[in-house]
């Protein structure tokens, strides 16, 4: 299966939940594995990766994805560690959920007025699947 199937396939980020408008999967170094409707720069993904280790700057100043600034809303840590974690944010009416696994960053951006929890569930489902493969 190609990486794009994880984003736009029948069970991918966008098709599994009609509330996700744009999505992508990236390596921690900013390498694009697959994306749809996004244009993330490597520096943005590298900042996001570091944000999971030390979120203080992002909590105060936000972060960027595809050139758009998002407010850092909160994080969910699994087992108290930053190895598999989720960060939630928002720009205007659009929520974003970002999942970090051992090697990947999974991003789902919701449509205007999307339910944040639904975005998070879909992003976490894909992220957990990748993590189960050691990615």
N, C-alpha and C. Protein backbone atom coordinates (compact mmCIF):
# COMPACT_ATOMS: atom_id res chain seq x y z
N UNK A 1 0.85 -1.17 0.00
CA UNK A 1 0.00 0.00 0.00
C UNK A 1 0.89 1.24 0.00
N UNK A 2 0.53 2.22 -0.81
CA UNK A 2 1.30 3.46 -0.86
C UNK A 2 0.91 4.36 0.31
N UNK A 3 1.81 5.32 0.60
CA UNK A 3 1.54 6.26 1.69
C UNK A 3 0.28 7.07 1.43
N UNK A 4 0.00 7.37 0.18
CA UNK A 4 -1.17 8.20 -0.12
C UNK A 4 -2.47 7.51 0.31
N UNK A 5 -2.49 6.19 0.35
CA UNK A 5 -3.68 5.47 0.81
C UNK A 5 -4.00 5.77 2.27
N UNK A 6 -2.97 6.06 3.06
CA UNK A 6 -3.18 6.40 4.47
C UNK A 6 -3.86 7.76 4.59
N UNK A 7 -3.74 8.59 3.55
CA UNK A 7 -4.32 9.94 3.59
C UNK A 7 -5.65 9.99 2.83
N UNK A 8 -5.68 9.49 1.59
CA UNK A 8 -6.88 9.63 0.76
C UNK A 8 -7.55 8.31 0.39
N UNK A 9 -7.04 7.20 0.88
CA UNK A 9 -7.67 5.91 0.59
C UNK A 9 -9.02 5.79 1.28
N UNK A 10 -9.74 4.70 1.04
CA UNK A 10 -11.08 4.53 1.61
C UNK A 10 -11.13 4.66 3.13
N UNK A 11 -10.07 4.23 3.81
CA UNK A 11 -10.00 4.35 5.26
C UNK A 11 -8.98 5.38 5.70
N UNK A 12 -8.54 6.22 4.76
CA UNK A 12 -7.54 7.23 5.05
C UNK A 12 -8.09 8.38 5.86
N UNK A 13 -7.20 9.30 6.18
CA UNK A 13 -7.56 10.43 7.02
C UNK A 13 -8.73 11.24 6.48
N UNK A 14 -8.73 11.51 5.19
CA UNK A 14 -9.76 12.37 4.62
C UNK A 14 -11.07 11.61 4.39
N UNK A 15 -11.01 10.42 3.85
CA UNK A 15 -12.23 9.69 3.54
C UNK A 15 -12.85 8.98 4.74
N UNK A 16 -12.06 8.68 5.74
CA UNK A 16 -12.61 8.00 6.92
C UNK A 16 -13.48 8.96 7.74
N UNK A 17 -13.23 10.24 7.61
CA UNK A 17 -14.00 11.22 8.37
C UNK A 17 -14.21 12.43 7.47
N UNK A 18 -15.43 12.69 7.10
CA UNK A 18 -15.70 13.77 6.16
C UNK A 18 -15.43 15.14 6.76
N UNK A 19 -15.12 15.21 8.06
CA UNK A 19 -14.82 16.50 8.68
C UNK A 19 -13.37 16.93 8.48
N UNK A 20 -12.50 16.02 8.04
CA UNK A 20 -11.11 16.38 7.78
C UNK A 20 -11.01 16.86 6.34
N UNK A 21 -10.51 18.08 6.19
CA UNK A 21 -10.40 18.69 4.87
C UNK A 21 -9.02 18.52 4.26
N UNK A 22 -7.97 18.64 5.09
CA UNK A 22 -6.59 18.52 4.64
C UNK A 22 -5.84 17.61 5.60
N UNK A 23 -4.90 16.83 5.07
CA UNK A 23 -4.17 15.91 5.93
C UNK A 23 -2.82 15.58 5.35
N UNK A 24 -1.94 15.09 6.22
CA UNK A 24 -0.63 14.68 5.75
C UNK A 24 0.07 13.79 6.75
N UNK A 25 1.04 13.05 6.23
CA UNK A 25 1.91 12.21 7.05
C UNK A 25 3.34 12.57 6.66
N UNK A 26 4.18 12.80 7.68
CA UNK A 26 5.53 13.31 7.46
C UNK A 26 6.52 12.57 8.35
N UNK A 27 7.76 12.56 7.93
CA UNK A 27 8.84 12.09 8.79
C UNK A 27 9.21 13.20 9.77
N UNK A 28 9.86 12.85 10.86
CA UNK A 28 10.24 13.86 11.85
C UNK A 28 11.15 14.93 11.26
N UNK A 29 11.88 14.60 10.20
CA UNK A 29 12.79 15.56 9.57
C UNK A 29 12.09 16.48 8.58
N UNK A 30 10.79 16.31 8.42
CA UNK A 30 10.03 17.16 7.51
C UNK A 30 9.78 16.54 6.15
N UNK A 31 10.27 15.34 5.93
CA UNK A 31 10.04 14.64 4.67
C UNK A 31 8.55 14.35 4.50
N UNK A 32 8.03 14.65 3.33
CA UNK A 32 6.61 14.39 3.04
C UNK A 32 6.46 12.92 2.67
N UNK A 33 5.65 12.20 3.43
CA UNK A 33 5.32 10.82 3.08
C UNK A 33 4.08 10.81 2.20
N UNK A 34 3.10 11.63 2.57
CA UNK A 34 1.88 11.81 1.77
C UNK A 34 1.14 13.02 2.32
N UNK A 35 0.51 13.77 1.42
CA UNK A 35 -0.30 14.89 1.89
C UNK A 35 -1.37 15.20 0.85
N UNK A 36 -2.45 15.76 1.33
CA UNK A 36 -3.56 16.16 0.46
C UNK A 36 -4.08 17.51 0.97
N UNK A 37 -4.04 18.52 0.10
CA UNK A 37 -4.53 19.83 0.47
C UNK A 37 -3.61 20.60 1.39
N UNK A 38 -2.40 20.13 1.56
CA UNK A 38 -1.44 20.78 2.44
C UNK A 38 -0.17 21.04 1.66
N UNK A 39 0.62 21.96 2.17
CA UNK A 39 1.91 22.25 1.58
C UNK A 39 2.87 22.62 2.71
N UNK A 40 3.18 21.65 3.55
CA UNK A 40 4.02 21.90 4.72
C UNK A 40 5.48 22.00 4.32
N UNK A 41 6.13 22.98 4.89
CA UNK A 41 7.58 23.12 4.71
C UNK A 41 8.28 22.23 5.72
N UNK A 42 9.46 21.71 5.38
CA UNK A 42 10.20 20.87 6.33
C UNK A 42 10.42 21.55 7.68
N UNK A 43 10.65 22.88 7.67
CA UNK A 43 10.89 23.59 8.93
C UNK A 43 9.65 23.55 9.83
N UNK A 44 8.48 23.58 9.24
CA UNK A 44 7.25 23.51 10.04
C UNK A 44 7.14 22.16 10.73
N UNK A 45 7.41 21.10 10.00
CA UNK A 45 7.32 19.75 10.58
C UNK A 45 8.41 19.55 11.63
N UNK A 46 9.60 20.06 11.37
CA UNK A 46 10.69 19.95 12.35
C UNK A 46 10.33 20.70 13.63
N UNK A 47 9.70 21.87 13.50
CA UNK A 47 9.25 22.62 14.68
C UNK A 47 8.19 21.82 15.44
N UNK A 48 7.25 21.23 14.70
CA UNK A 48 6.20 20.43 15.33
C UNK A 48 6.81 19.26 16.09
N UNK A 49 7.79 18.60 15.49
CA UNK A 49 8.47 17.48 16.16
C UNK A 49 9.08 17.94 17.47
N UNK A 50 9.75 19.09 17.45
CA UNK A 50 10.36 19.63 18.67
C UNK A 50 9.29 20.09 19.67
N UNK A 51 8.16 20.52 19.15
CA UNK A 51 7.06 20.98 20.00
C UNK A 51 6.58 19.86 20.93
N UNK A 52 6.68 18.63 20.49
CA UNK A 52 6.27 17.51 21.33
C UNK A 52 7.25 17.28 22.48
N UNK A 53 8.49 17.70 22.30
CA UNK A 53 9.50 17.55 23.34
C UNK A 53 9.45 18.71 24.32
N UNK A 54 9.36 19.93 23.77
CA UNK A 54 9.29 21.14 24.60
C UNK A 54 8.22 22.07 24.03
N UNK A 55 7.01 22.01 24.56
CA UNK A 55 5.90 22.77 23.99
C UNK A 55 5.79 24.22 24.46
N UNK A 56 6.68 24.69 25.31
CA UNK A 56 6.50 26.00 25.93
C UNK A 56 6.36 27.13 24.91
N UNK A 57 7.25 27.21 23.93
CA UNK A 57 7.19 28.29 22.94
C UNK A 57 5.88 28.21 22.16
N UNK A 58 5.50 27.01 21.73
CA UNK A 58 4.27 26.83 20.95
C UNK A 58 3.03 27.17 21.77
N UNK A 59 3.05 26.87 23.05
CA UNK A 59 1.91 27.21 23.91
C UNK A 59 1.70 28.72 23.96
N UNK A 60 2.78 29.46 23.96
CA UNK A 60 2.69 30.92 24.04
C UNK A 60 2.46 31.57 22.68
N UNK A 61 3.07 31.03 21.63
CA UNK A 61 3.10 31.70 20.33
C UNK A 61 2.38 30.96 19.20
N UNK A 62 1.95 29.74 19.46
CA UNK A 62 1.32 28.95 18.42
C UNK A 62 2.34 28.27 17.53
N UNK A 63 1.85 27.71 16.44
CA UNK A 63 2.70 27.00 15.49
C UNK A 63 2.11 27.15 14.10
N UNK A 64 2.89 26.80 13.08
CA UNK A 64 2.42 26.93 11.71
C UNK A 64 2.33 25.58 11.02
N UNK A 65 1.30 25.45 10.20
CA UNK A 65 1.12 24.30 9.31
C UNK A 65 0.66 24.85 7.98
N UNK A 66 1.40 24.53 6.94
CA UNK A 66 1.10 25.04 5.58
C UNK A 66 0.98 26.57 5.55
N UNK A 67 1.82 27.23 6.33
CA UNK A 67 1.83 28.68 6.35
C UNK A 67 0.75 29.33 7.19
N UNK A 68 -0.15 28.56 7.78
CA UNK A 68 -1.21 29.11 8.63
C UNK A 68 -0.81 28.97 10.09
N UNK A 69 -1.09 30.01 10.88
CA UNK A 69 -0.78 30.00 12.30
C UNK A 69 -1.94 29.38 13.07
N UNK A 70 -1.60 28.46 13.97
CA UNK A 70 -2.58 27.78 14.82
C UNK A 70 -2.28 28.08 16.28
N UNK A 71 -3.32 28.20 17.07
CA UNK A 71 -3.17 28.30 18.51
C UNK A 71 -2.97 26.91 19.07
N UNK A 72 -2.08 26.77 20.02
CA UNK A 72 -1.83 25.51 20.72
C UNK A 72 -2.90 25.40 21.81
N UNK A 73 -3.79 24.43 21.70
CA UNK A 73 -4.88 24.31 22.66
C UNK A 73 -4.50 23.38 23.82
N UNK A 74 -4.09 22.17 23.51
CA UNK A 74 -3.71 21.22 24.57
C UNK A 74 -3.02 20.02 23.95
N UNK A 75 -2.44 19.19 24.83
CA UNK A 75 -1.82 17.95 24.38
C UNK A 75 -2.37 16.78 25.18
N UNK A 76 -2.33 15.62 24.55
CA UNK A 76 -2.68 14.36 25.21
C UNK A 76 -1.46 13.47 25.11
N UNK A 77 -0.92 13.09 26.26
CA UNK A 77 0.25 12.22 26.27
C UNK A 77 -0.18 10.80 26.59
N UNK A 78 0.41 9.85 25.89
CA UNK A 78 0.12 8.45 26.17
C UNK A 78 1.13 7.94 27.18
N UNK A 79 0.66 7.40 28.27
CA UNK A 79 1.49 6.84 29.33
C UNK A 79 2.47 7.86 29.89
N UNK A 80 2.12 9.14 29.84
CA UNK A 80 2.98 10.17 30.41
C UNK A 80 4.25 10.41 29.62
N UNK A 81 4.36 9.88 28.42
CA UNK A 81 5.57 10.06 27.62
C UNK A 81 5.22 10.80 26.33
N UNK A 82 6.21 11.46 25.76
CA UNK A 82 5.98 12.21 24.53
C UNK A 82 6.27 11.36 23.30
N UNK A 83 6.43 10.05 23.45
CA UNK A 83 6.71 9.20 22.29
C UNK A 83 5.49 9.07 21.39
N UNK A 84 4.33 8.81 21.97
CA UNK A 84 3.08 8.78 21.21
C UNK A 84 2.16 9.78 21.87
N UNK A 85 2.01 10.91 21.24
CA UNK A 85 1.25 12.00 21.81
C UNK A 85 0.43 12.69 20.74
N UNK A 86 -0.53 13.49 21.19
CA UNK A 86 -1.38 14.25 20.27
C UNK A 86 -1.43 15.69 20.76
N UNK A 87 -1.30 16.62 19.82
CA UNK A 87 -1.47 18.03 20.13
C UNK A 87 -2.68 18.53 19.35
N UNK A 88 -3.50 19.31 20.02
CA UNK A 88 -4.69 19.88 19.41
C UNK A 88 -4.52 21.39 19.30
N UNK A 89 -4.98 21.93 18.18
CA UNK A 89 -4.89 23.36 17.97
C UNK A 89 -6.09 23.86 17.19
N UNK A 90 -6.05 25.16 16.88
CA UNK A 90 -7.17 25.76 16.17
C UNK A 90 -6.71 27.04 15.52
N UNK A 91 -7.22 27.30 14.32
CA UNK A 91 -7.11 28.60 13.69
C UNK A 91 -8.51 29.00 13.28
N UNK A 92 -8.99 30.10 13.83
CA UNK A 92 -10.37 30.49 13.56
C UNK A 92 -11.32 29.38 13.95
N UNK A 93 -12.11 28.91 12.98
CA UNK A 93 -13.08 27.85 13.23
C UNK A 93 -12.55 26.46 12.90
N UNK A 94 -11.32 26.36 12.40
CA UNK A 94 -10.78 25.07 11.94
C UNK A 94 -9.88 24.42 12.99
N UNK A 95 -10.27 23.23 13.48
CA UNK A 95 -9.42 22.51 14.42
C UNK A 95 -8.34 21.72 13.70
N UNK A 96 -7.28 21.42 14.42
CA UNK A 96 -6.20 20.59 13.90
C UNK A 96 -5.78 19.62 15.00
N UNK A 97 -5.48 18.38 14.61
CA UNK A 97 -4.92 17.40 15.53
C UNK A 97 -3.65 16.86 14.89
N UNK A 98 -2.61 16.73 15.72
CA UNK A 98 -1.30 16.27 15.25
C UNK A 98 -0.86 15.13 16.15
N UNK A 99 -0.53 14.01 15.54
CA UNK A 99 -0.11 12.80 16.26
C UNK A 99 1.37 12.58 15.98
N UNK A 100 2.13 12.30 17.01
CA UNK A 100 3.55 11.97 16.85
C UNK A 100 3.78 10.53 17.29
N UNK A 101 4.34 9.74 16.39
CA UNK A 101 4.75 8.38 16.73
C UNK A 101 6.29 8.36 16.73
N UNK A 102 6.87 7.19 16.79
CA UNK A 102 8.33 7.08 16.86
C UNK A 102 9.02 7.68 15.64
N UNK A 103 8.38 7.62 14.46
CA UNK A 103 9.03 8.11 13.24
C UNK A 103 8.17 9.03 12.39
N UNK A 104 6.90 9.17 12.74
CA UNK A 104 5.97 9.91 11.86
C UNK A 104 5.22 11.00 12.61
N UNK A 105 4.80 11.99 11.83
CA UNK A 105 3.89 13.05 12.28
C UNK A 105 2.65 12.94 11.40
N UNK A 106 1.49 12.77 12.01
CA UNK A 106 0.22 12.66 11.29
C UNK A 106 -0.60 13.91 11.60
N UNK A 107 -1.05 14.61 10.56
CA UNK A 107 -1.78 15.85 10.75
C UNK A 107 -3.14 15.76 10.06
N UNK A 108 -4.17 16.17 10.77
CA UNK A 108 -5.51 16.29 10.20
C UNK A 108 -6.07 17.67 10.50
N UNK A 109 -6.46 18.39 9.46
CA UNK A 109 -7.04 19.72 9.61
C UNK A 109 -8.53 19.64 9.29
N UNK A 110 -9.34 20.07 10.22
CA UNK A 110 -10.78 19.99 10.04
C UNK A 110 -11.35 21.13 9.22
N UNK A 111 -12.51 20.88 8.66
CA UNK A 111 -13.27 21.93 7.98
C UNK A 111 -13.74 22.93 9.03
N UNK A 112 -14.20 24.08 8.57
CA UNK A 112 -14.73 25.09 9.49
C UNK A 112 -15.87 24.46 10.30
N UNK A 113 -15.85 24.69 11.58
CA UNK A 113 -16.85 24.18 12.53
C UNK A 113 -16.84 22.66 12.70
N UNK A 114 -15.77 22.00 12.28
CA UNK A 114 -15.65 20.55 12.51
C UNK A 114 -15.55 20.29 14.00
N UNK A 115 -15.96 19.12 14.40
CA UNK A 115 -15.89 18.72 15.81
C UNK A 115 -14.48 18.22 16.09
N UNK A 116 -13.81 18.90 17.01
CA UNK A 116 -12.41 18.60 17.31
C UNK A 116 -12.21 17.13 17.68
N UNK A 117 -13.11 16.57 18.46
CA UNK A 117 -12.98 15.18 18.89
C UNK A 117 -13.00 14.20 17.73
N UNK A 118 -13.82 14.47 16.71
CA UNK A 118 -13.88 13.58 15.55
C UNK A 118 -12.58 13.64 14.75
N UNK A 119 -12.00 14.83 14.64
CA UNK A 119 -10.73 14.98 13.95
C UNK A 119 -9.67 14.17 14.71
N UNK A 120 -9.64 14.35 16.02
CA UNK A 120 -8.65 13.66 16.85
C UNK A 120 -8.78 12.14 16.76
N UNK A 121 -10.00 11.63 16.79
CA UNK A 121 -10.20 10.17 16.72
C UNK A 121 -9.63 9.61 15.42
N UNK A 122 -9.90 10.28 14.32
CA UNK A 122 -9.42 9.79 13.02
C UNK A 122 -7.91 9.88 12.93
N UNK A 123 -7.34 11.00 13.36
CA UNK A 123 -5.88 11.16 13.33
C UNK A 123 -5.22 10.12 14.23
N UNK A 124 -5.77 9.89 15.40
CA UNK A 124 -5.20 8.90 16.33
C UNK A 124 -5.31 7.48 15.79
N UNK A 125 -6.39 7.18 15.11
CA UNK A 125 -6.55 5.84 14.52
C UNK A 125 -5.43 5.56 13.52
N UNK A 126 -5.16 6.52 12.64
CA UNK A 126 -4.08 6.34 11.67
C UNK A 126 -2.73 6.33 12.38
N UNK A 127 -2.54 7.26 13.31
CA UNK A 127 -1.29 7.32 14.06
C UNK A 127 -1.02 6.04 14.85
N UNK A 128 -2.03 5.50 15.49
CA UNK A 128 -1.87 4.25 16.25
C UNK A 128 -1.52 3.09 15.31
N UNK A 129 -2.12 3.08 14.13
CA UNK A 129 -1.80 2.03 13.15
C UNK A 129 -0.33 2.12 12.75
N UNK A 130 0.13 3.32 12.43
CA UNK A 130 1.53 3.50 12.06
C UNK A 130 2.45 3.10 13.21
N UNK A 131 2.09 3.52 14.42
CA UNK A 131 2.90 3.18 15.60
C UNK A 131 2.98 1.68 15.82
N UNK A 132 1.90 0.96 15.51
CA UNK A 132 1.90 -0.49 15.69
C UNK A 132 2.88 -1.18 14.74
N UNK A 133 3.23 -0.49 13.64
CA UNK A 133 4.24 -1.00 12.71
C UNK A 133 5.63 -0.49 13.03
N UNK A 134 5.76 0.22 14.15
CA UNK A 134 7.05 0.75 14.56
C UNK A 134 7.44 2.04 13.87
N UNK A 135 6.46 2.66 13.22
CA UNK A 135 6.74 3.92 12.51
C UNK A 135 6.40 5.13 13.34
